[in-house]
C-alpha atoms as a PDB file:
ATOM      1  CA  MET A   1      24.294   0.076  16.476  1.00  0.00           C
ATOM      2  CA  GLU A   2      27.147  -2.261  15.446  1.00  0.00           C
ATOM      3  CA  GLU A   3      30.280  -2.035  17.544  1.00  0.00           C
ATOM      4  CA  THR A   4      33.252  -0.277  15.878  1.00  0.00           C
ATOM      5  CA  ILE A   5      36.469  -2.199  16.459  1.00  0.00           C
ATOM      6  CA  PRO A   6      39.848  -0.817  15.288  1.00  0.00           C
ATOM      7  CA  GLN A   7      41.543  -3.363  13.051  1.00  0.00           C
ATOM      8  CA  LEU A   8      44.786  -3.759  11.151  1.00  0.00           C
ATOM      9  CA  SER A   9      44.918  -3.188   7.409  1.00  0.00           C
ATOM     10  CA  ARG A  10      45.775  -6.065   5.084  1.00  0.00           C
ATOM     11  CA  VAL A  11      47.812  -3.654   2.966  1.00  0.00           C
ATOM     12  CA  PHE A  12      51.488  -3.156   3.790  1.00  0.00           C
ATOM     13  CA  LEU A  13      52.279  -0.555   1.157  1.00  0.00           C
ATOM     14  CA  GLU A  14      50.667   1.085  -1.874  1.00  0.00           C
ATOM     15  CA  LEU A  15      52.837   2.522  -4.622  1.00  0.00           C
ATOM     16  CA  GLY A  16      50.586   3.826  -7.365  1.00  0.00           C
ATOM     17  CA  PRO A  17      48.948   0.806  -8.995  1.00  0.00           C
ATOM     18  CA  LEU A  18      51.133  -1.585  -6.983  1.00  0.00           C
ATOM     19  CA  THR A  19      49.694  -2.943  -3.739  1.00  0.00           C
ATOM     20  CA  ILE A  20      51.861  -4.975  -1.371  1.00  0.00           C
ATOM     21  CA  TYR A  21      49.967  -7.026   1.201  1.00  0.00           C
ATOM     22  CA  TRP A  22      51.094  -8.000   4.684  1.00  0.00           C
ATOM     23  CA  TYR A  23      50.361 -11.626   3.798  1.00  0.00           C
ATOM     24  CA  GLY A  24      53.141 -11.729   1.229  1.00  0.00           C
ATOM     25  CA  VAL A  25      55.548  -9.700   3.381  1.00  0.00           C
ATOM     26  CA  ILE A  26      55.095 -12.034   6.349  1.00  0.00           C
ATOM     27  CA  ILE A  27      55.387 -15.224   4.273  1.00  0.00           C
ATOM     28  CA  GLY A  28      58.541 -13.835   2.656  1.00  0.00           C
ATOM     29  CA  THR A  29      60.004 -12.861   6.032  1.00  0.00           C
ATOM     30  CA  GLY A  30      59.428 -16.377   7.354  1.00  0.00           C
ATOM     31  CA  ALA A  31      61.132 -17.853   4.307  1.00  0.00           C
ATOM     32  CA  MET A  32      64.165 -15.543   4.598  1.00  0.00           C
ATOM     33  CA  LEU A  33      64.652 -16.180   8.333  1.00  0.00           C
ATOM     34  CA  GLY A  34      64.317 -19.899   7.708  1.00  0.00           C
ATOM     35  CA  LEU A  35      66.963 -19.679   4.976  1.00  0.00           C
ATOM     36  CA  TRP A  36      69.291 -17.743   7.289  1.00  0.00           C
ATOM     37  CA  LEU A  37      68.942 -20.415   9.965  1.00  0.00           C
ATOM     38  CA  ALA A  38      69.585 -23.228   7.476  1.00  0.00           C
ATOM     39  CA  VAL A  39      72.631 -21.542   5.927  1.00  0.00           C
ATOM     40  CA  ARG A  40      74.237 -21.024   9.345  1.00  0.00           C
ATOM     41  CA  GLU A  41      73.700 -24.646  10.312  1.00  0.00           C
ATOM     42  CA  SER A  42      74.714 -26.101   6.944  1.00  0.00           C
ATOM     43  CA  GLU A  43      78.149 -24.475   7.236  1.00  0.00           C
ATOM     44  CA  ARG A  44      78.572 -26.064  10.684  1.00  0.00           C
ATOM     45  CA  ARG A  45      77.624 -29.440   9.238  1.00  0.00           C
ATOM     46  CA  GLY A  46      80.214 -29.260   6.466  1.00  0.00           C
ATOM     47  CA  LEU A  47      78.055 -28.151   3.542  1.00  0.00           C
ATOM     48  CA  ASP A  48      78.753 -25.230   1.255  1.00  0.00           C
ATOM     49  CA  LYS A  49      76.724 -22.215   2.399  1.00  0.00           C
ATOM     50  CA  GLU A  50      75.327 -21.858  -1.133  1.00  0.00           C
ATOM     51  CA  VAL A  51      73.591 -25.257  -1.015  1.00  0.00           C
ATOM     52  CA  PHE A  52      70.467 -24.019   0.746  1.00  0.00           C
ATOM     53  CA  VAL A  53      70.442 -20.777  -1.228  1.00  0.00           C
ATOM     54  CA  ASP A  54      70.382 -22.816  -4.449  1.00  0.00           C
ATOM     55  CA  LEU A  55      67.757 -25.164  -3.008  1.00  0.00           C
ATOM     56  CA  VAL A  56      65.286 -22.454  -1.972  1.00  0.00           C
ATOM     57  CA  LEU A  57      65.518 -20.817  -5.403  1.00  0.00           C
ATOM     58  CA  TRP A  58      63.692 -23.926  -6.607  1.00  0.00           C
ATOM     59  CA  ALA A  59      61.843 -25.078  -3.493  1.00  0.00           C
ATOM     60  CA  ILE A  60      60.082 -21.802  -2.608  1.00  0.00           C
ATOM     61  CA  PRO A  61      58.430 -21.076  -5.988  1.00  0.00           C
ATOM     62  CA  ILE A  62      57.558 -24.746  -6.493  1.00  0.00           C
ATOM     63  CA  GLY A  63      56.272 -24.943  -2.925  1.00  0.00           C
ATOM     64  CA  ILE A  64      54.052 -21.873  -3.432  1.00  0.00           C
ATOM     65  CA  LEU A  65      52.755 -23.279  -6.718  1.00  0.00           C
ATOM     66  CA  SER A  66      51.997 -26.689  -5.202  1.00  0.00           C
ATOM     67  CA  ALA A  67      50.425 -25.074  -2.112  1.00  0.00           C
ATOM     68  CA  ARG A  68      48.042 -23.112  -4.336  1.00  0.00           C
ATOM     69  CA  LEU A  69      47.369 -26.066  -6.645  1.00  0.00           C
ATOM     70  CA  TYR A  70      46.541 -28.278  -3.651  1.00  0.00           C
ATOM     71  CA  TYR A  71      44.110 -25.669  -2.306  1.00  0.00           C
ATOM     72  CA  VAL A  72      42.473 -25.062  -5.696  1.00  0.00           C
ATOM     73  CA  LEU A  73      42.012 -28.772  -6.416  1.00  0.00           C
ATOM     74  CA  PHE A  74      40.073 -29.291  -3.199  1.00  0.00           C
ATOM     75  CA  LYS A  75      37.860 -26.267  -3.996  1.00  0.00           C
ATOM     76  CA  LEU A  76      37.695 -26.964  -7.696  1.00  0.00           C
ATOM     77  CA  ASP A  77      33.978 -26.259  -8.149  1.00  0.00           C
ATOM     78  CA  TYR A  78      34.439 -22.738  -6.775  1.00  0.00           C
ATOM     79  CA  TYR A  79      37.509 -21.945  -8.882  1.00  0.00           C
ATOM     80  CA  LEU A  80      35.978 -23.344 -12.073  1.00  0.00           C
ATOM     81  CA  GLU A  81      33.238 -20.764 -11.571  1.00  0.00           C
ATOM     82  CA  ASN A  82      35.760 -18.055 -10.601  1.00  0.00           C
ATOM     83  CA  PRO A  83      38.932 -18.815 -12.626  1.00  0.00           C
ATOM     84  CA  SER A  84      40.177 -15.244 -12.331  1.00  0.00           C
ATOM     85  CA  GLN A  85      40.771 -15.818  -8.605  1.00  0.00           C
ATOM     86  CA  ILE A  86      43.072 -18.819  -9.010  1.00  0.00           C
ATOM     87  CA  LEU A  87      46.208 -16.655  -9.059  1.00  0.00           C
ATOM     88  CA  MET A  88      45.125 -14.323  -6.249  1.00  0.00           C
ATOM     89  CA  ILE A  89      47.393 -15.846  -3.612  1.00  0.00           C
ATOM     90  CA  TRP A  90      47.562 -12.543  -1.706  1.00  0.00           C
ATOM     91  CA  GLU A  91      43.976 -13.290  -0.671  1.00  0.00           C
ATOM     92  CA  GLY A  92      45.212 -16.430   1.116  1.00  0.00           C
ATOM     93  CA  GLY A  93      44.547 -19.984   0.042  1.00  0.00           C
ATOM     94  CA  LEU A  94      48.016 -21.543   0.308  1.00  0.00           C
ATOM     95  CA  ALA A  95      47.702 -25.022   1.818  1.00  0.00           C
ATOM     96  CA  ILE A  96      50.734 -25.878   3.943  1.00  0.00           C
ATOM     97  CA  HIS A  97      50.546 -29.587   3.197  1.00  0.00           C
ATOM     98  CA  GLY A  98      50.539 -28.889  -0.533  1.00  0.00           C
ATOM     99  CA  GLY A  99      53.529 -26.591  -0.182  1.00  0.00           C
ATOM    100  CA  LEU A 100      55.451 -29.142   1.855  1.00  0.00           C
ATOM    101  CA  ILE A 101      54.820 -31.872  -0.712  1.00  0.00           C
ATOM    102  CA  GLY A 102      56.187 -29.699  -3.501  1.00  0.00           C
ATOM    103  CA  ALA A 103      59.171 -28.549  -1.457  1.00  0.00           C
ATOM    104  CA  PHE A 104      60.092 -32.066  -0.288  1.00  0.00           C
ATOM    105  CA  VAL A 105      59.924 -33.523  -3.798  1.00  0.00           C
ATOM    106  CA  THR A 106      62.088 -30.643  -5.009  1.00  0.00           C
ATOM    107  CA  ALA A 107      64.591 -31.225  -2.190  1.00  0.00           C
ATOM    108  CA  ALA A 108      64.781 -34.949  -2.964  1.00  0.00           C
ATOM    109  CA  ILE A 109      65.561 -34.283  -6.634  1.00  0.00           C
ATOM    110  CA  PHE A 110      68.008 -31.506  -5.717  1.00  0.00           C
ATOM    111  CA  ALA A 111      69.847 -33.769  -3.246  1.00  0.00           C
ATOM    112  CA  ARG A 112      70.191 -36.542  -5.822  1.00  0.00           C
ATOM    113  CA  LYS A 113      71.519 -34.118  -8.438  1.00  0.00           C
ATOM    114  CA  ARG A 114      74.061 -32.662  -5.982  1.00  0.00           C
ATOM    115  CA  GLY A 115      75.105 -36.017  -4.529  1.00  0.00           C
ATOM    116  CA  ILE A 116      74.052 -34.956  -1.013  1.00  0.00           C
ATOM    117  CA  SER A 117      72.034 -37.011   1.434  1.00  0.00           C
ATOM    118  CA  PHE A 118      68.389 -35.934   1.334  1.00  0.00           C
ATOM    119  CA  TRP A 119      68.082 -36.846   5.013  1.00  0.00           C
ATOM    120  CA  LYS A 120      70.978 -34.564   5.911  1.00  0.00           C
ATOM    121  CA  LEU A 121      69.356 -31.666   4.055  1.00  0.00           C
ATOM    122  CA  ALA A 122      66.004 -32.470   5.666  1.00  0.00           C
ATOM    123  CA  ASP A 123      67.485 -32.574   9.173  1.00  0.00           C
ATOM    124  CA  ILE A 124      69.240 -29.245   8.720  1.00  0.00           C
ATOM    125  CA  GLY A 125      66.158 -27.682   7.154  1.00  0.00           C
ATOM    126  CA  ALA A 126      63.552 -28.966   9.647  1.00  0.00           C
ATOM    127  CA  PRO A 127      63.935 -26.100  12.178  1.00  0.00           C
ATOM    128  CA  SER A 128      63.811 -23.617   9.289  1.00  0.00           C
ATOM    129  CA  ILE A 129      60.564 -25.088   7.995  1.00  0.00           C
ATOM    130  CA  ILE A 130      58.798 -24.932  11.333  1.00  0.00           C
ATOM    131  CA  LEU A 131      60.128 -21.393  11.942  1.00  0.00           C
ATOM    132  CA  GLY A 132      58.690 -20.337   8.593  1.00  0.00           C
ATOM    133  CA  GLN A 133      55.366 -21.917   9.511  1.00  0.00           C
ATOM    134  CA  ALA A 134      55.290 -20.137  12.875  1.00  0.00           C
ATOM    135  CA  ILE A 135      55.864 -16.766  11.216  1.00  0.00           C
ATOM    136  CA  GLY A 136      53.701 -17.464   8.182  1.00  0.00           C
ATOM    137  CA  ARG A 137      50.558 -18.020  10.271  1.00  0.00           C
ATOM    138  CA  TRP A 138      50.632 -14.302  11.084  1.00  0.00           C
ATOM    139  CA  GLY A 139      49.895 -13.704   7.412  1.00  0.00           C
ATOM    140  CA  ASN A 140      46.610 -15.546   8.014  1.00  0.00           C
ATOM    141  CA  PHE A 141      46.073 -13.251  10.999  1.00  0.00           C
ATOM    142  CA  MET A 142      46.388 -10.148   8.839  1.00  0.00           C
ATOM    143  CA  ASN A 143      43.951 -11.654   6.318  1.00  0.00           C
ATOM    144  CA  GLN A 144      41.542 -12.627   9.133  1.00  0.00           C
ATOM    145  CA  GLU A 145      41.495 -16.237   7.941  1.00  0.00           C
ATOM    146  CA  ALA A 146      42.413 -19.685   9.277  1.00  0.00           C
ATOM    147  CA  HIS A 147      40.389 -18.940  12.378  1.00  0.00           C
ATOM    148  CA  GLY A 148      38.230 -21.202  14.526  1.00  0.00           C
ATOM    149  CA  GLY A 149      34.630 -21.104  15.647  1.00  0.00           C
ATOM    150  CA  GLU A 150      32.749 -18.314  17.368  1.00  0.00           C
ATOM    151  CA  VAL A 151      33.805 -17.151  20.835  1.00  0.00           C
ATOM    152  CA  THR A 152      33.123 -14.105  22.989  1.00  0.00           C
ATOM    153  CA  ARG A 153      35.392 -11.131  23.538  1.00  0.00           C
ATOM    154  CA  GLU A 154      35.528 -12.157  27.202  1.00  0.00           C
ATOM    155  CA  PHE A 155      36.931 -15.546  26.159  1.00  0.00           C
ATOM    156  CA  LEU A 156      39.703 -13.917  24.128  1.00  0.00           C
ATOM    157  CA  GLU A 157      40.508 -11.434  26.869  1.00  0.00           C
ATOM    158  CA  GLY A 158      40.664 -14.368  29.290  1.00  0.00           C
ATOM    159  CA  LEU A 159      43.576 -15.714  27.220  1.00  0.00           C
ATOM    160  CA  TYR A 160      45.468 -12.488  28.070  1.00  0.00           C
ATOM    161  CA  LEU A 161      45.953 -11.685  24.400  1.00  0.00           C
ATOM    162  CA  PRO A 162      47.101  -8.246  23.274  1.00  0.00           C
ATOM    163  CA  GLU A 163      44.186  -6.032  22.274  1.00  0.00           C
ATOM    164  CA  PHE A 164      45.266  -5.901  18.615  1.00  0.00           C
ATOM    165  CA  ILE A 165      44.848  -9.687  18.349  1.00  0.00           C
ATOM    166  CA  VAL A 166      41.464  -9.608  20.075  1.00  0.00           C
ATOM    167  CA  ASN A 167      40.301  -6.831  17.753  1.00  0.00           C
ATOM    168  CA  GLN A 168      41.540  -8.597  14.632  1.00  0.00           C
ATOM    169  CA  MET A 169      39.543 -11.669  15.609  1.00  0.00           C
ATOM    170  CA  TYR A 170      36.362  -9.582  15.284  1.00  0.00           C
ATOM    171  CA  ILE A 171      35.129 -10.551  11.819  1.00  0.00           C
ATOM    172  CA  ASP A 172      31.769  -9.562  10.365  1.00  0.00           C
ATOM    173  CA  GLY A 173      30.276  -8.857  13.760  1.00  0.00           C
ATOM    174  CA  THR A 174      31.594 -11.962  15.548  1.00  0.00           C
ATOM    175  CA  TYR A 175      34.708 -12.931  17.520  1.00  0.00           C
ATOM    176  CA  TYR A 176      36.530 -16.136  16.551  1.00  0.00           C
ATOM    177  CA  HIS A 177      39.119 -18.563  17.955  1.00  0.00           C
ATOM    178  CA  PRO A 178      42.641 -17.353  16.981  1.00  0.00           C
ATOM    179  CA  THR A 179      43.684 -20.763  15.665  1.00  0.00           C
ATOM    180  CA  PHE A 180      46.439 -19.089  13.650  1.00  0.00           C
ATOM    181  CA  LEU A 181      48.002 -18.169  17.011  1.00  0.00           C
ATOM    182  CA  TYR A 182      47.618 -21.647  18.463  1.00  0.00           C
ATOM    183  CA  GLU A 183      49.475 -23.131  15.496  1.00  0.00           C
ATOM    184  CA  SER A 184      52.126 -20.414  15.521  1.00  0.00           C
ATOM    185  CA  LEU A 185      52.868 -21.038  19.201  1.00  0.00           C
ATOM    186  CA  TRP A 186      52.858 -24.819  18.690  1.00  0.00           C
ATOM    187  CA  SER A 187      55.399 -24.363  15.903  1.00  0.00           C
ATOM    188  CA  LEU A 188      57.601 -22.097  18.037  1.00  0.00           C
ATOM    189  CA  VAL A 189      57.673 -24.722  20.794  1.00  0.00           C
ATOM    190  CA  GLY A 190      58.544 -27.271  18.099  1.00  0.00           C
ATOM    191  CA  LEU A 191      61.401 -25.048  16.933  1.00  0.00           C
ATOM    192  CA  VAL A 192      62.884 -25.012  20.444  1.00  0.00           C
ATOM    193  CA  ILE A 193      62.540 -28.811  20.688  1.00  0.00           C
ATOM    194  CA  LEU A 194      64.248 -29.358  17.332  1.00  0.00           C
ATOM    195  CA  LEU A 195      67.120 -27.042  18.236  1.00  0.00           C
ATOM    196  CA  LEU A 196      67.601 -28.988  21.465  1.00  0.00           C
ATOM    197  CA  LEU A 197      67.423 -32.316  19.612  1.00  0.00           C
ATOM    198  CA  ARG A 198      70.344 -31.198  17.457  1.00  0.00           C
ATOM    199  CA  ARG A 199      72.539 -31.594  20.528  1.00  0.00           C
ATOM    200  CA  VAL A 200      71.278 -35.124  21.179  1.00  0.00           C
ATOM    201  CA  ASN A 201      72.974 -36.248  17.950  1.00  0.00           C
ATOM    202  CA  LEU A 202      70.071 -38.288  16.623  1.00  0.00           C
ATOM    203  CA  ARG A 203      70.499 -40.685  13.752  1.00  0.00           C
ATOM    204  CA  ARG A 204      70.296 -39.089  10.335  1.00  0.00           C
ATOM    205  CA  GLY A 205      66.726 -38.368   9.281  1.00  0.00           C
ATOM    206  CA  GLU A 206      65.297 -38.541  12.787  1.00  0.00           C
ATOM    207  CA  LEU A 207      65.359 -34.799  13.396  1.00  0.00           C
ATOM    208  CA  PHE A 208      63.253 -34.236  10.300  1.00  0.00           C
ATOM    209  CA  LEU A 209      60.879 -37.073  11.162  1.00  0.00           C
ATOM    210  CA  SER A 210      60.521 -35.611  14.662  1.00  0.00           C
ATOM    211  CA  TYR A 211      59.437 -32.362  13.009  1.00  0.00           C
ATOM    212  CA  VAL A 212      56.839 -34.216  10.933  1.00  0.00           C
ATOM    213  CA  ILE A 213      55.404 -35.932  14.016  1.00  0.00           C
ATOM    214  CA  TRP A 214      55.361 -32.785  16.185  1.00  0.00           C
ATOM    215  CA  TYR A 215      53.787 -30.528  13.582  1.00  0.00           C
ATOM    216  CA  SER A 216      51.226 -33.152  12.556  1.00  0.00           C
ATOM    217  CA  ILE A 217      50.053 -33.760  16.134  1.00  0.00           C
ATOM    218  CA  GLY A 218      49.427 -30.056  16.662  1.00  0.00           C
ATOM    219  CA  ARG A 219      47.839 -29.582  13.249  1.00  0.00           C
ATOM    220  CA  PHE A 220      45.421 -32.476  13.849  1.00  0.00           C
ATOM    221  CA  PHE A 221      43.967 -30.957  17.013  1.00  0.00           C
ATOM    222  CA  ILE A 222      44.058 -27.308  15.892  1.00  0.00           C
ATOM    223  CA  GLU A 223      42.406 -28.172  12.586  1.00  0.00           C
ATOM    224  CA  GLY A 224      39.449 -29.528  14.537  1.00  0.00           C
ATOM    225  CA  LEU A 225      38.765 -25.992  15.792  1.00  0.00           C
ATOM    226  CA  ARG A 226      38.821 -24.332  12.376  1.00  0.00           C
ATOM    227  CA  THR A 227      35.782 -23.360  10.339  1.00  0.00           C
ATOM    228  CA  ASP A 228      37.457 -23.056   6.932  1.00  0.00           C
ATOM    229  CA  SER A 229      38.956 -26.535   6.579  1.00  0.00           C
ATOM    230  CA  LEU A 230      39.290 -28.238   3.226  1.00  0.00           C
ATOM    231  CA  MET A 231      36.984 -31.249   3.455  1.00  0.00           C
ATOM    232  CA  LEU A 232      37.490 -34.747   2.043  1.00  0.00           C
ATOM    233  CA  THR A 233      33.916 -35.751   2.885  1.00  0.00           C
ATOM    234  CA  GLU A 234      31.180 -34.063   4.851  1.00  0.00           C
ATOM    235  CA  TYR A 235      32.850 -35.072   8.114  1.00  0.00           C
ATOM    236  CA  LEU A 236      36.501 -35.728   7.228  1.00  0.00           C
ATOM    237  CA  ARG A 237      38.905 -32.776   7.205  1.00  0.00           C
ATOM    238  CA  ILE A 238      41.727 -33.290   4.717  1.00  0.00           C
ATOM    239  CA  ALA A 239      44.406 -31.793   6.980  1.00  0.00           C
ATOM    240  CA  GLN A 240      43.474 -34.138   9.828  1.00  0.00           C
ATOM    241  CA  VAL A 241      43.574 -37.208   7.580  1.00  0.00           C
ATOM    242  CA  ILE A 242      46.955 -36.136   6.171  1.00  0.00           C
ATOM    243  CA  SER A 243      48.268 -35.404   9.678  1.00  0.00           C
ATOM    244  CA  ILE A 244      47.407 -38.897  10.906  1.00  0.00           C
ATOM    245  CA  ALA A 245      48.950 -40.423   7.787  1.00  0.00           C
ATOM    246  CA  LEU A 246      52.150 -38.397   8.237  1.00  0.00           C
ATOM    247  CA  ILE A 247      52.470 -39.408  11.898  1.00  0.00           C
ATOM    248  CA  LEU A 248      52.118 -43.087  10.999  1.00  0.00           C
ATOM    249  CA  VAL A 249      54.522 -42.830   8.060  1.00  0.00           C
ATOM    250  CA  ALA A 250      57.122 -40.941  10.125  1.00  0.00           C
ATOM    251  CA  ILE A 251      56.992 -43.457  12.978  1.00  0.00           C
ATOM    252  CA  GLY A 252      57.162 -46.302  10.457  1.00  0.00           C
ATOM    253  CA  LEU A 253      60.231 -44.760   8.805  1.00  0.00           C
ATOM    254  CA  LEU A 254      61.943 -44.251  12.162  1.00  0.00           C
ATOM    255  CA  ILE A 255      61.526 -47.945  12.964  1.00  0.00           C
ATOM    256  CA  PHE A 256      62.249 -49.213   9.444  1.00  0.00           C
ATOM    257  CA  ARG A 257      65.423 -47.168   9.003  1.00  0.00           C
ATOM    258  CA  ARG A 258      66.791 -48.384  12.335  1.00  0.00           C
ATOM    259  CA  ILE A 259      65.973 -52.039  11.633  1.00  0.00           C
ATOM    260  CA  LYS A 260      67.517 -51.901   8.153  1.00  0.00           C
ATOM    261  CA  GLY A 261      70.561 -49.945   9.292  1.00  0.00           C
ATOM    262  CA  TYR A 262      69.807 -46.998   6.986  1.00  0.00           C
ATOM    263  CA  SER A 263      70.348 -44.491   9.780  1.00  0.00           C
ATOM    264  CA  GLU A 264      73.774 -45.398  11.143  1.00  0.00           C
ATOM    265  CA  LYS A 265      75.162 -41.948  10.419  1.00  0.00           C
ATOM    266  CA  ARG A 266      74.299 -39.303  12.972  1.00  0.00           C
ATOM    267  CA  TYR A 267      73.407 -35.650  12.739  1.00  0.00           C
ATOM    268  CA  LEU A 268      76.714 -34.367  14.120  1.00  0.00           C
ATOM    269  CA  ASP A 269      78.929 -36.705  12.078  1.00  0.00           C
ATOM    270  CA  PRO A 270      81.602 -34.571  10.318  1.00  0.00           C
ATOM    271  CA  ASP A 271      80.915 -35.480   6.687  1.00  0.00           C
ATOM    272  CA  ASN A 272      79.572 -33.399   3.844  1.00  0.00           C
ATOM    273  CA  LYS A 273      77.449 -36.023   2.063  1.00  0.00           C
END
């Protein structure tokens, strides 16, 4: 007889025909806390508090759209056969790298239009992004996705995890690695590091590039544990390839900007541009 394990519902609230899922609630909570953090810091750095509010009004919807588009493109055969599922983002299927690409392009255009340094916006926003990622992974937890390979209950209990996490990792008769948790914790550690680096007064752009390097290192190794990765080839995971590329590009930009003198301004400099 199959073991009965109590598990959490994916549904947050049902109001007649309207169903609100935990996935969306958690993603939205991460976005709002990230915005709060960015608004507080932008005022300290001499920017109008409305700057980040205006930015996220564009960046969040475009980021969600690009995150879904990225995911769909790499699973195109499936979605061509099931086009009705393309818009079902509450089922999961938002690729972080796709969302970041859309959000960063939006921020670059926004900064140019407002006459504000993109690197200043990126530095202020970096802790907010990684906070949102740390919280957002719990949406994957509620959907029982973004997990790793098979493990035993004893393995999970040996990690001293709360019982609700252990139970939620029981999927279709098997326990799995809680890779969502590994990435969430990695991101929380990254948040602490970035907040500490603010006090170091790094050159402009280096806080953001530090975020890119930190997140990409963790994502590379955690992705190797996952069973639902988007694949470039039979053996190459897209997220790992992108992570390596981002690490190399970020390190290259750190060096290039210092050599060329493009990063003479520092994070704590009292200017609003």
